[in-house]
mmCIF file of all heavy atoms, coordinates in Angstrom:
data_MODEL
# 
_entry.id   MODEL 
# 
loop_
_atom_site.group_PDB 
_atom_site.id 
_atom_site.type_symbol 
_atom_site.label_atom_id 
_atom_site.label_alt_id 
_atom_site.label_comp_id 
_atom_site.label_asym_id 
_atom_site.label_entity_id 
_atom_site.label_seq_id 
_atom_site.pdbx_PDB_ins_code 
_atom_site.Cartn_x 
_atom_site.Cartn_y 
_atom_site.Cartn_z 
_atom_site.occupancy 
_atom_site.B_iso_or_equiv 
_atom_site.pdbx_formal_charge 
_atom_site.auth_seq_id 
_atom_site.auth_comp_id 
_atom_site.auth_asym_id 
_atom_site.auth_atom_id 
_atom_site.pdbx_PDB_model_num 
ATOM 1   N N   . ALA A 1 1  ? 2.164  99.900  -48.488 1.00 0.00 ? 1  ALA A N   1 
ATOM 2   C CA  . ALA A 1 1  ? 2.627  100.074 -47.106 1.00 0.00 ? 1  ALA A CA  1 
ATOM 3   C C   . ALA A 1 1  ? 4.181  100.507 -47.137 1.00 0.00 ? 1  ALA A C   1 
ATOM 4   O O   . ALA A 1 1  ? 4.538  101.370 -46.405 1.00 0.00 ? 1  ALA A O   1 
ATOM 5   C CB  . ALA A 1 1  ? 2.504  98.747  -46.353 1.00 0.00 ? 1  ALA A CB  1 
ATOM 6   N N   . SER A 1 2  ? 4.972  99.916  -48.075 1.00 0.00 ? 2  SER A N   1 
ATOM 7   C CA  . SER A 1 2  ? 6.365  100.299 -48.156 1.00 0.00 ? 2  SER A CA  1 
ATOM 8   C C   . SER A 1 2  ? 6.537  101.752 -48.551 1.00 0.00 ? 2  SER A C   1 
ATOM 9   O O   . SER A 1 2  ? 7.390  102.454 -48.011 1.00 0.00 ? 2  SER A O   1 
ATOM 10  C CB  . SER A 1 2  ? 7.084  99.404  -49.136 1.00 0.00 ? 2  SER A CB  1 
ATOM 11  O OG  . SER A 1 2  ? 7.143  98.024  -48.706 1.00 0.00 ? 2  SER A OG  1 
ATOM 12  N N   . LEU A 1 3  ? 5.735  102.180 -49.538 1.00 0.00 ? 3  LEU A N   1 
ATOM 13  C CA  . LEU A 1 3  ? 5.802  103.590 -49.982 1.00 0.00 ? 3  LEU A CA  1 
ATOM 14  C C   . LEU A 1 3  ? 5.371  104.530 -48.845 1.00 0.00 ? 3  LEU A C   1 
ATOM 15  O O   . LEU A 1 3  ? 5.973  105.582 -48.634 1.00 0.00 ? 3  LEU A O   1 
ATOM 16  C CB  . LEU A 1 3  ? 4.924  103.806 -51.175 1.00 0.00 ? 3  LEU A CB  1 
ATOM 17  C CG  . LEU A 1 3  ? 5.566  103.475 -52.476 1.00 0.00 ? 3  LEU A CG  1 
ATOM 18  C CD1 . LEU A 1 3  ? 4.633  103.745 -53.656 1.00 0.00 ? 3  LEU A CD1 1 
ATOM 19  C CD2 . LEU A 1 3  ? 6.835  104.287 -52.722 1.00 0.00 ? 3  LEU A CD2 1 
ATOM 20  N N   . LEU A 1 4  ? 4.351  104.137 -48.154 1.00 0.00 ? 4  LEU A N   1 
ATOM 21  C CA  . LEU A 1 4  ? 3.865  105.001 -47.019 1.00 0.00 ? 4  LEU A CA  1 
ATOM 22  C C   . LEU A 1 4  ? 4.964  105.084 -45.935 1.00 0.00 ? 4  LEU A C   1 
ATOM 23  O O   . LEU A 1 4  ? 5.188  106.128 -45.380 1.00 0.00 ? 4  LEU A O   1 
ATOM 24  C CB  . LEU A 1 4  ? 2.584  104.435 -46.462 1.00 0.00 ? 4  LEU A CB  1 
ATOM 25  C CG  . LEU A 1 4  ? 1.989  105.242 -45.291 1.00 0.00 ? 4  LEU A CG  1 
ATOM 26  C CD1 . LEU A 1 4  ? 1.611  106.611 -45.717 1.00 0.00 ? 4  LEU A CD1 1 
ATOM 27  C CD2 . LEU A 1 4  ? 0.760  104.488 -44.761 1.00 0.00 ? 4  LEU A CD2 1 
ATOM 28  N N   . ARG A 1 5  ? 5.625  103.953 -45.640 1.00 0.00 ? 5  ARG A N   1 
ATOM 29  C CA  . ARG A 1 5  ? 6.721  103.980 -44.633 1.00 0.00 ? 5  ARG A CA  1 
ATOM 30  C C   . ARG A 1 5  ? 7.834  104.898 -45.080 1.00 0.00 ? 5  ARG A C   1 
ATOM 31  O O   . ARG A 1 5  ? 8.412  105.643 -44.298 1.00 0.00 ? 5  ARG A O   1 
ATOM 32  C CB  . ARG A 1 5  ? 7.266  102.523 -44.367 1.00 0.00 ? 5  ARG A CB  1 
ATOM 33  C CG  . ARG A 1 5  ? 6.480  101.809 -43.301 1.00 0.00 ? 5  ARG A CG  1 
ATOM 34  C CD  . ARG A 1 5  ? 7.268  100.552 -42.862 1.00 0.00 ? 5  ARG A CD  1 
ATOM 35  N NE  . ARG A 1 5  ? 7.838  99.764  -43.963 1.00 0.00 ? 5  ARG A NE  1 
ATOM 36  C CZ  . ARG A 1 5  ? 7.205  98.837  -44.617 1.00 0.00 ? 5  ARG A CZ  1 
ATOM 37  N NH1 . ARG A 1 5  ? 5.900  98.578  -44.410 1.00 0.00 ? 5  ARG A NH1 1 
ATOM 38  N NH2 . ARG A 1 5  ? 7.770  98.159  -45.606 1.00 0.00 ? 5  ARG A NH2 1 
ATOM 39  N N   . CYS A 1 6  ? 8.201  104.807 -46.371 1.00 0.00 ? 6  CYS A N   1 
ATOM 40  C CA  . CYS A 1 6  ? 9.241  105.684 -46.942 1.00 0.00 ? 6  CYS A CA  1 
ATOM 41  C C   . CYS A 1 6  ? 8.856  107.158 -46.797 1.00 0.00 ? 6  CYS A C   1 
ATOM 42  O O   . CYS A 1 6  ? 9.610  107.989 -46.345 1.00 0.00 ? 6  CYS A O   1 
ATOM 43  C CB  . CYS A 1 6  ? 9.510  105.297 -48.406 1.00 0.00 ? 6  CYS A CB  1 
ATOM 44  S SG  . CYS A 1 6  ? 10.795 106.193 -49.171 1.00 0.00 ? 6  CYS A SG  1 
ATOM 45  N N   . LYS A 1 7  ? 7.625  107.415 -47.190 1.00 0.00 ? 7  LYS A N   1 
ATOM 46  C CA  . LYS A 1 7  ? 7.089  108.817 -47.091 1.00 0.00 ? 7  LYS A CA  1 
ATOM 47  C C   . LYS A 1 7  ? 7.126  109.364 -45.647 1.00 0.00 ? 7  LYS A C   1 
ATOM 48  O O   . LYS A 1 7  ? 7.598  110.465 -45.415 1.00 0.00 ? 7  LYS A O   1 
ATOM 49  C CB  . LYS A 1 7  ? 5.676  108.908 -47.679 1.00 0.00 ? 7  LYS A CB  1 
ATOM 50  C CG  . LYS A 1 7  ? 5.126  110.258 -47.727 1.00 0.00 ? 7  LYS A CG  1 
ATOM 51  C CD  . LYS A 1 7  ? 3.729  110.264 -48.266 1.00 0.00 ? 7  LYS A CD  1 
ATOM 52  C CE  . LYS A 1 7  ? 3.121  111.624 -48.353 1.00 0.00 ? 7  LYS A CE  1 
ATOM 53  N NZ  . LYS A 1 7  ? 1.750  111.619 -48.972 1.00 0.00 ? 7  LYS A NZ  1 
ATOM 54  N N   . GLU A 1 8  ? 6.657  108.531 -44.739 1.00 0.00 ? 8  GLU A N   1 
ATOM 55  C CA  . GLU A 1 8  ? 6.678  108.911 -43.293 1.00 0.00 ? 8  GLU A CA  1 
ATOM 56  C C   . GLU A 1 8  ? 8.051  109.082 -42.776 1.00 0.00 ? 8  GLU A C   1 
ATOM 57  O O   . GLU A 1 8  ? 8.308  110.005 -42.009 1.00 0.00 ? 8  GLU A O   1 
ATOM 58  C CB  . GLU A 1 8  ? 5.827  107.900 -42.520 1.00 0.00 ? 8  GLU A CB  1 
ATOM 59  C CG  . GLU A 1 8  ? 4.406  107.950 -42.756 1.00 0.00 ? 8  GLU A CG  1 
ATOM 60  C CD  . GLU A 1 8  ? 3.773  109.278 -42.432 1.00 0.00 ? 8  GLU A CD  1 
ATOM 61  O OE1 . GLU A 1 8  ? 4.091  109.798 -41.314 1.00 0.00 ? 8  GLU A OE1 1 
ATOM 62  O OE2 . GLU A 1 8  ? 3.018  109.825 -43.242 1.00 0.00 ? 8  GLU A OE2 1 
ATOM 63  N N   . TRP A 1 9  ? 8.984  108.137 -43.198 1.00 0.00 ? 9  TRP A N   1 
ATOM 64  C CA  . TRP A 1 9  ? 10.355 108.305 -42.724 1.00 0.00 ? 9  TRP A CA  1 
ATOM 65  C C   . TRP A 1 9  ? 10.965 109.607 -43.259 1.00 0.00 ? 9  TRP A C   1 
ATOM 66  O O   . TRP A 1 9  ? 11.622 110.386 -42.481 1.00 0.00 ? 9  TRP A O   1 
ATOM 67  C CB  . TRP A 1 9  ? 11.177 107.100 -43.243 1.00 0.00 ? 9  TRP A CB  1 
ATOM 68  C CG  . TRP A 1 9  ? 12.570 107.226 -42.804 1.00 0.00 ? 9  TRP A CG  1 
ATOM 69  C CD1 . TRP A 1 9  ? 13.087 106.829 -41.596 1.00 0.00 ? 9  TRP A CD1 1 
ATOM 70  C CD2 . TRP A 1 9  ? 13.677 107.873 -43.479 1.00 0.00 ? 9  TRP A CD2 1 
ATOM 71  N NE1 . TRP A 1 9  ? 14.456 107.156 -41.533 1.00 0.00 ? 9  TRP A NE1 1 
ATOM 72  C CE2 . TRP A 1 9  ? 14.848 107.777 -42.671 1.00 0.00 ? 9  TRP A CE2 1 
ATOM 73  C CE3 . TRP A 1 9  ? 13.783 108.475 -44.767 1.00 0.00 ? 9  TRP A CE3 1 
ATOM 74  C CZ2 . TRP A 1 9  ? 16.066 108.272 -43.077 1.00 0.00 ? 9  TRP A CZ2 1 
ATOM 75  C CZ3 . TRP A 1 9  ? 15.022 108.971 -45.153 1.00 0.00 ? 9  TRP A CZ3 1 
ATOM 76  C CH2 . TRP A 1 9  ? 16.122 108.904 -44.334 1.00 0.00 ? 9  TRP A CH2 1 
ATOM 77  N N   . MET A 1 10 ? 10.698 109.996 -44.495 1.00 0.00 ? 10 MET A N   1 
ATOM 78  C CA  . MET A 1 10 ? 11.190 111.257 -45.051 1.00 0.00 ? 10 MET A CA  1 
ATOM 79  C C   . MET A 1 10 ? 10.618 112.425 -44.230 1.00 0.00 ? 10 MET A C   1 
ATOM 80  O O   . MET A 1 10 ? 11.300 113.358 -43.978 1.00 0.00 ? 10 MET A O   1 
ATOM 81  C CB  . MET A 1 10 ? 10.854 111.383 -46.519 1.00 0.00 ? 10 MET A CB  1 
ATOM 82  C CG  . MET A 1 10 ? 11.644 110.498 -47.410 1.00 0.00 ? 10 MET A CG  1 
ATOM 83  S SD  . MET A 1 10 ? 11.155 110.920 -49.114 1.00 0.00 ? 10 MET A SD  1 
ATOM 84  C CE  . MET A 1 10 ? 12.065 109.625 -50.001 1.00 0.00 ? 10 MET A CE  1 
ATOM 85  N N   . ARG A 1 11 ? 9.300  112.354 -43.933 1.00 0.00 ? 11 ARG A N   1 
ATOM 86  C CA  . ARG A 1 11 ? 8.714  113.432 -43.167 1.00 0.00 ? 11 ARG A CA  1 
ATOM 87  C C   . ARG A 1 11 ? 9.298  113.636 -41.818 1.00 0.00 ? 11 ARG A C   1 
ATOM 88  O O   . ARG A 1 11 ? 9.643  114.693 -41.411 1.00 0.00 ? 11 ARG A O   1 
ATOM 89  C CB  . ARG A 1 11 ? 7.238  113.175 -43.095 1.00 0.00 ? 11 ARG A CB  1 
ATOM 90  C CG  . ARG A 1 11 ? 6.422  114.325 -42.454 1.00 0.00 ? 11 ARG A CG  1 
ATOM 91  C CD  . ARG A 1 11 ? 4.945  114.068 -42.195 1.00 0.00 ? 11 ARG A CD  1 
ATOM 92  N NE  . ARG A 1 11 ? 4.758  112.874 -41.340 1.00 0.00 ? 11 ARG A NE  1 
ATOM 93  C CZ  . ARG A 1 11 ? 4.957  112.900 -40.004 1.00 0.00 ? 11 ARG A CZ  1 
ATOM 94  N NH1 . ARG A 1 11 ? 5.290  114.027 -39.381 1.00 0.00 ? 11 ARG A NH1 1 
ATOM 95  N NH2 . ARG A 1 11 ? 4.677  111.766 -39.296 1.00 0.00 ? 11 ARG A NH2 1 
ATOM 96  N N   . ARG A 1 12 ? 9.529  112.478 -41.135 1.00 0.00 ? 12 ARG A N   1 
ATOM 97  C CA  . ARG A 1 12 ? 10.112 112.514 -39.778 1.00 0.00 ? 12 ARG A CA  1 
ATOM 98  C C   . ARG A 1 12 ? 11.560 112.926 -39.699 1.00 0.00 ? 12 ARG A C   1 
ATOM 99  O O   . ARG A 1 12 ? 12.077 113.428 -38.723 1.00 0.00 ? 12 ARG A O   1 
ATOM 100 C CB  . ARG A 1 12 ? 9.956  111.160 -39.097 1.00 0.00 ? 12 ARG A CB  1 
ATOM 101 C CG  . ARG A 1 12 ? 8.511  110.861 -38.661 1.00 0.00 ? 12 ARG A CG  1 
ATOM 102 C CD  . ARG A 1 12 ? 8.466  109.607 -37.746 1.00 0.00 ? 12 ARG A CD  1 
ATOM 103 N NE  . ARG A 1 12 ? 9.296  108.471 -38.204 1.00 0.00 ? 12 ARG A NE  1 
ATOM 104 C CZ  . ARG A 1 12 ? 8.916  107.582 -39.028 1.00 0.00 ? 12 ARG A CZ  1 
ATOM 105 N NH1 . ARG A 1 12 ? 7.693  107.612 -39.578 1.00 0.00 ? 12 ARG A NH1 1 
ATOM 106 N NH2 . ARG A 1 12 ? 9.745  106.606 -39.384 1.00 0.00 ? 12 ARG A NH2 1 
ATOM 107 N N   . ASN A 1 13 ? 12.295 112.704 -40.851 1.00 0.00 ? 13 ASN A N   1 
ATOM 108 C CA  . ASN A 1 13 ? 13.720 112.922 -40.841 1.00 0.00 ? 13 ASN A CA  1 
ATOM 109 C C   . ASN A 1 13 ? 14.099 114.083 -41.777 1.00 0.00 ? 13 ASN A C   1 
ATOM 110 O O   . ASN A 1 13 ? 15.248 114.166 -42.169 1.00 0.00 ? 13 ASN A O   1 
ATOM 111 C CB  . ASN A 1 13 ? 14.446 111.672 -41.253 1.00 0.00 ? 13 ASN A CB  1 
ATOM 112 C CG  . ASN A 1 13 ? 14.372 110.600 -40.221 1.00 0.00 ? 13 ASN A CG  1 
ATOM 113 O OD1 . ASN A 1 13 ? 15.129 110.617 -39.235 1.00 0.00 ? 13 ASN A OD1 1 
ATOM 114 N ND2 . ASN A 1 13 ? 13.386 109.727 -40.367 1.00 0.00 ? 13 ASN A ND2 1 
ATOM 115 N N   . ARG A 1 14 ? 13.179 114.957 -42.036 1.00 0.00 ? 14 ARG A N   1 
ATOM 116 C CA  . ARG A 1 14 ? 13.449 116.049 -43.010 1.00 0.00 ? 14 ARG A CA  1 
ATOM 117 C C   . ARG A 1 14 ? 14.522 117.023 -42.500 1.00 0.00 ? 14 ARG A C   1 
ATOM 118 O O   . ARG A 1 14 ? 15.066 117.751 -43.334 1.00 0.00 ? 14 ARG A O   1 
ATOM 119 C CB  . ARG A 1 14 ? 12.159 116.756 -43.378 1.00 0.00 ? 14 ARG A CB  1 
ATOM 120 C CG  . ARG A 1 14 ? 11.510 117.482 -42.214 1.00 0.00 ? 14 ARG A CG  1 
ATOM 121 C CD  . ARG A 1 14 ? 10.178 118.155 -42.644 1.00 0.00 ? 14 ARG A CD  1 
ATOM 122 N NE  . ARG A 1 14 ? 9.410  118.494 -41.482 1.00 0.00 ? 14 ARG A NE  1 
ATOM 123 C CZ  . ARG A 1 14 ? 8.106  118.204 -41.409 1.00 0.00 ? 14 ARG A CZ  1 
ATOM 124 N NH1 . ARG A 1 14 ? 7.470  117.629 -42.318 1.00 0.00 ? 14 ARG A NH1 1 
ATOM 125 N NH2 . ARG A 1 14 ? 7.508  118.593 -40.310 1.00 0.00 ? 14 ARG A NH2 1 
ATOM 126 N N   . ASN A 1 15 ? 14.795 117.036 -41.238 1.00 0.00 ? 15 ASN A N   1 
ATOM 127 C CA  . ASN A 1 15 ? 15.807 117.976 -40.738 1.00 0.00 ? 15 ASN A CA  1 
ATOM 128 C C   . ASN A 1 15 ? 17.169 117.344 -40.582 1.00 0.00 ? 15 ASN A C   1 
ATOM 129 O O   . ASN A 1 15 ? 18.155 117.989 -40.182 1.00 0.00 ? 15 ASN A O   1 
ATOM 130 C CB  . ASN A 1 15 ? 15.354 118.506 -39.345 1.00 0.00 ? 15 ASN A CB  1 
ATOM 131 C CG  . ASN A 1 15 ? 14.078 119.378 -39.439 1.00 0.00 ? 15 ASN A CG  1 
ATOM 132 O OD1 . ASN A 1 15 ? 13.945 120.063 -40.478 1.00 0.00 ? 15 ASN A OD1 1 
ATOM 133 N ND2 . ASN A 1 15 ? 13.200 119.224 -38.501 1.00 0.00 ? 15 ASN A ND2 1 
ATOM 134 N N   . VAL A 1 16 ? 17.279 116.054 -41.001 1.00 0.00 ? 16 VAL A N   1 
ATOM 135 C CA  . VAL A 1 16 ? 18.593 115.415 -40.978 1.00 0.00 ? 16 VAL A CA  1 
ATOM 136 C C   . VAL A 1 16 ? 19.437 116.021 -42.056 1.00 0.00 ? 16 VAL A C   1 
ATOM 137 O O   . VAL A 1 16 ? 18.851 116.321 -43.130 1.00 0.00 ? 16 VAL A O   1 
ATOM 138 C CB  . VAL A 1 16 ? 18.414 113.888 -41.094 1.00 0.00 ? 16 VAL A CB  1 
ATOM 139 C CG1 . VAL A 1 16 ? 19.733 113.165 -41.359 1.00 0.00 ? 16 VAL A CG1 1 
ATOM 140 C CG2 . VAL A 1 16 ? 17.702 113.290 -39.961 1.00 0.00 ? 16 VAL A CG2 1 
ATOM 141 N N   . PRO A 1 17 ? 20.745 116.229 -41.863 1.00 0.00 ? 17 PRO A N   1 
ATOM 142 C CA  . PRO A 1 17 ? 21.552 116.760 -42.962 1.00 0.00 ? 17 PRO A CA  1 
ATOM 143 C C   . PRO A 1 17 ? 21.426 115.828 -44.225 1.00 0.00 ? 17 PRO A C   1 
ATOM 144 O O   . PRO A 1 17 ? 21.317 114.659 -44.105 1.00 0.00 ? 17 PRO A O   1 
ATOM 145 C CB  . PRO A 1 17 ? 22.971 116.685 -42.367 1.00 0.00 ? 17 PRO A CB  1 
ATOM 146 C CG  . PRO A 1 17 ? 22.810 116.760 -40.895 1.00 0.00 ? 17 PRO A CG  1 
ATOM 147 C CD  . PRO A 1 17 ? 21.517 116.024 -40.676 1.00 0.00 ? 17 PRO A CD  1 
ATOM 148 N N   . THR A 1 18 ? 21.404 116.555 -45.364 1.00 0.00 ? 18 THR A N   1 
ATOM 149 C CA  . THR A 1 18 ? 21.051 115.871 -46.619 1.00 0.00 ? 18 THR A CA  1 
ATOM 150 C C   . THR A 1 18 ? 22.027 114.685 -46.926 1.00 0.00 ? 18 THR A C   1 
ATOM 151 O O   . THR A 1 18 ? 21.540 113.578 -47.309 1.00 0.00 ? 18 THR A O   1 
ATOM 152 C CB  . THR A 1 18 ? 21.103 116.869 -47.798 1.00 0.00 ? 18 THR A CB  1 
ATOM 153 O OG1 . THR A 1 18 ? 20.197 117.931 -47.499 1.00 0.00 ? 18 THR A OG1 1 
ATOM 154 C CG2 . THR A 1 18 ? 20.728 116.199 -49.109 1.00 0.00 ? 18 THR A CG2 1 
ATOM 155 N N   . LYS A 1 19 ? 23.289 114.810 -46.625 1.00 0.00 ? 19 LYS A N   1 
ATOM 156 C CA  . LYS A 1 19 ? 24.202 113.699 -46.890 1.00 0.00 ? 19 LYS A CA  1 
ATOM 157 C C   . LYS A 1 19 ? 23.838 112.518 -46.101 1.00 0.00 ? 19 LYS A C   1 
ATOM 158 O O   . LYS A 1 19 ? 23.835 111.353 -46.622 1.00 0.00 ? 19 LYS A O   1 
ATOM 159 C CB  . LYS A 1 19 ? 25.636 114.144 -46.624 1.00 0.00 ? 19 LYS A CB  1 
ATOM 160 C CG  . LYS A 1 19 ? 26.706 113.223 -47.101 1.00 0.00 ? 19 LYS A CG  1 
ATOM 161 C CD  . LYS A 1 19 ? 28.102 113.834 -46.939 1.00 0.00 ? 19 LYS A CD  1 
ATOM 162 C CE  . LYS A 1 19 ? 29.110 112.844 -47.462 1.00 0.00 ? 19 LYS A CE  1 
ATOM 163 N NZ  . LYS A 1 19 ? 30.468 113.412 -47.397 1.00 0.00 ? 19 LYS A NZ  1 
ATOM 164 N N   . GLN A 1 20 ? 23.599 112.671 -44.846 1.00 0.00 ? 20 GLN A N   1 
ATOM 165 C CA  . GLN A 1 20 ? 23.236 111.584 -44.000 1.00 0.00 ? 20 GLN A CA  1 
ATOM 166 C C   . GLN A 1 20 ? 21.830 111.015 -44.328 1.00 0.00 ? 20 GLN A C   1 
ATOM 167 O O   . GLN A 1 20 ? 21.678 109.826 -44.366 1.00 0.00 ? 20 GLN A O   1 
ATOM 168 C CB  . GLN A 1 20 ? 23.214 112.045 -42.551 1.00 0.00 ? 20 GLN A CB  1 
ATOM 169 C CG  . GLN A 1 20 ? 22.838 110.927 -41.541 1.00 0.00 ? 20 GLN A CG  1 
ATOM 170 C CD  . GLN A 1 20 ? 22.793 111.430 -40.123 1.00 0.00 ? 20 GLN A CD  1 
ATOM 171 O OE1 . GLN A 1 20 ? 23.038 112.628 -39.846 1.00 0.00 ? 20 GLN A OE1 1 
ATOM 172 N NE2 . GLN A 1 20 ? 22.355 110.594 -39.233 1.00 0.00 ? 20 GLN A NE2 1 
ATOM 173 N N   . PHE A 1 21 ? 20.951 111.891 -44.721 1.00 0.00 ? 21 PHE A N   1 
ATOM 174 C CA  . PHE A 1 21 ? 19.620 111.536 -45.127 1.00 0.00 ? 21 PHE A CA  1 
ATOM 175 C C   . PHE A 1 21 ? 19.662 110.601 -46.354 1.00 0.00 ? 21 PHE A C   1 
ATOM 176 O O   . PHE A 1 21 ? 19.043 109.533 -46.383 1.00 0.00 ? 21 PHE A O   1 
ATOM 177 C CB  . PHE A 1 21 ? 18.803 112.818 -45.398 1.00 0.00 ? 21 PHE A CB  1 
ATOM 178 C CG  . PHE A 1 21 ? 17.427 112.521 -45.886 1.00 0.00 ? 21 PHE A CG  1 
ATOM 179 C CD1 . PHE A 1 21 ? 16.395 112.489 -44.940 1.00 0.00 ? 21 PHE A CD1 1 
ATOM 180 C CD2 . PHE A 1 21 ? 17.080 112.353 -47.236 1.00 0.00 ? 21 PHE A CD2 1 
ATOM 181 C CE1 . PHE A 1 21 ? 15.068 112.272 -45.419 1.00 0.00 ? 21 PHE A CE1 1 
ATOM 182 C CE2 . PHE A 1 21 ? 15.796 112.212 -47.675 1.00 0.00 ? 21 PHE A CE2 1 
ATOM 183 C CZ  . PHE A 1 21 ? 14.762 112.169 -46.783 1.00 0.00 ? 21 PHE A CZ  1 
ATOM 184 N N   . MET A 1 22 ? 20.465 111.021 -47.332 1.00 0.00 ? 22 MET A N   1 
ATOM 185 C CA  . MET A 1 22 ? 20.616 110.222 -48.547 1.00 0.00 ? 22 MET A CA  1 
ATOM 186 C C   . MET A 1 22 ? 21.214 108.849 -48.308 1.00 0.00 ? 22 MET A C   1 
ATOM 187 O O   . MET A 1 22 ? 20.846 107.897 -48.910 1.00 0.00 ? 22 MET A O   1 
ATOM 188 C CB  . MET A 1 22 ? 21.373 111.042 -49.585 1.00 0.00 ? 22 MET A CB  1 
ATOM 189 C CG  . MET A 1 22 ? 20.845 112.379 -50.012 1.00 0.00 ? 22 MET A CG  1 
ATOM 190 S SD  . MET A 1 22 ? 19.225 112.065 -50.869 1.00 0.00 ? 22 MET A SD  1 
ATOM 191 C CE  . MET A 1 22 ? 19.817 111.605 -52.488 1.00 0.00 ? 22 MET A CE  1 
ATOM 192 N N   . LYS A 1 23 ? 22.182 108.797 -47.434 1.00 0.00 ? 23 LYS A N   1 
ATOM 193 C CA  . LYS A 1 23 ? 22.894 107.521 -47.166 1.00 0.00 ? 23 LYS A CA  1 
ATOM 194 C C   . LYS A 1 23 ? 21.898 106.568 -46.494 1.00 0.00 ? 23 LYS A C   1 
ATOM 195 O O   . LYS A 1 23 ? 21.834 105.383 -46.857 1.00 0.00 ? 23 LYS A O   1 
ATOM 196 C CB  . LYS A 1 23 ? 24.017 107.795 -46.115 1.00 0.00 ? 23 LYS A CB  1 
ATOM 197 C CG  . LYS A 1 23 ? 24.827 106.567 -45.863 1.00 0.00 ? 23 LYS A CG  1 
ATOM 198 C CD  . LYS A 1 23 ? 26.017 106.876 -44.962 1.00 0.00 ? 23 LYS A CD  1 
ATOM 199 C CE  . LYS A 1 23 ? 26.835 105.675 -44.638 1.00 0.00 ? 23 LYS A CE  1 
ATOM 200 N NZ  . LYS A 1 23 ? 27.924 105.908 -43.783 1.00 0.00 ? 23 LYS A NZ  1 
ATOM 201 N N   . ILE A 1 24 ? 21.059 107.047 -45.589 1.00 0.00 ? 24 ILE A N   1 
ATOM 202 C CA  . ILE A 1 24 ? 20.024 106.187 -44.882 1.00 0.00 ? 24 ILE A CA  1 
ATOM 203 C C   . ILE A 1 24 ? 18.987 105.770 -45.942 1.00 0.00 ? 24 ILE A C   1 
ATOM 204 O O   . ILE A 1 24 ? 18.574 104.606 -45.926 1.00 0.00 ? 24 ILE A O   1 
ATOM 205 C CB  . ILE A 1 24 ? 19.449 106.906 -43.727 1.00 0.00 ? 24 ILE A CB  1 
ATOM 206 C CG1 . ILE A 1 24 ? 20.533 107.142 -42.664 1.00 0.00 ? 24 ILE A CG1 1 
ATOM 207 C CG2 . ILE A 1 24 ? 18.280 106.053 -43.112 1.00 0.00 ? 24 ILE A CG2 1 
ATOM 208 C CD1 . ILE A 1 24 ? 20.122 108.101 -41.579 1.00 0.00 ? 24 ILE A CD1 1 
# 
């Protein structure tokens, strides 16, 4: 479930600037 949440979060936030994405 944790991996699925991580994957879904990445998919939903793929347009966030990389620096901000990496920090989150």
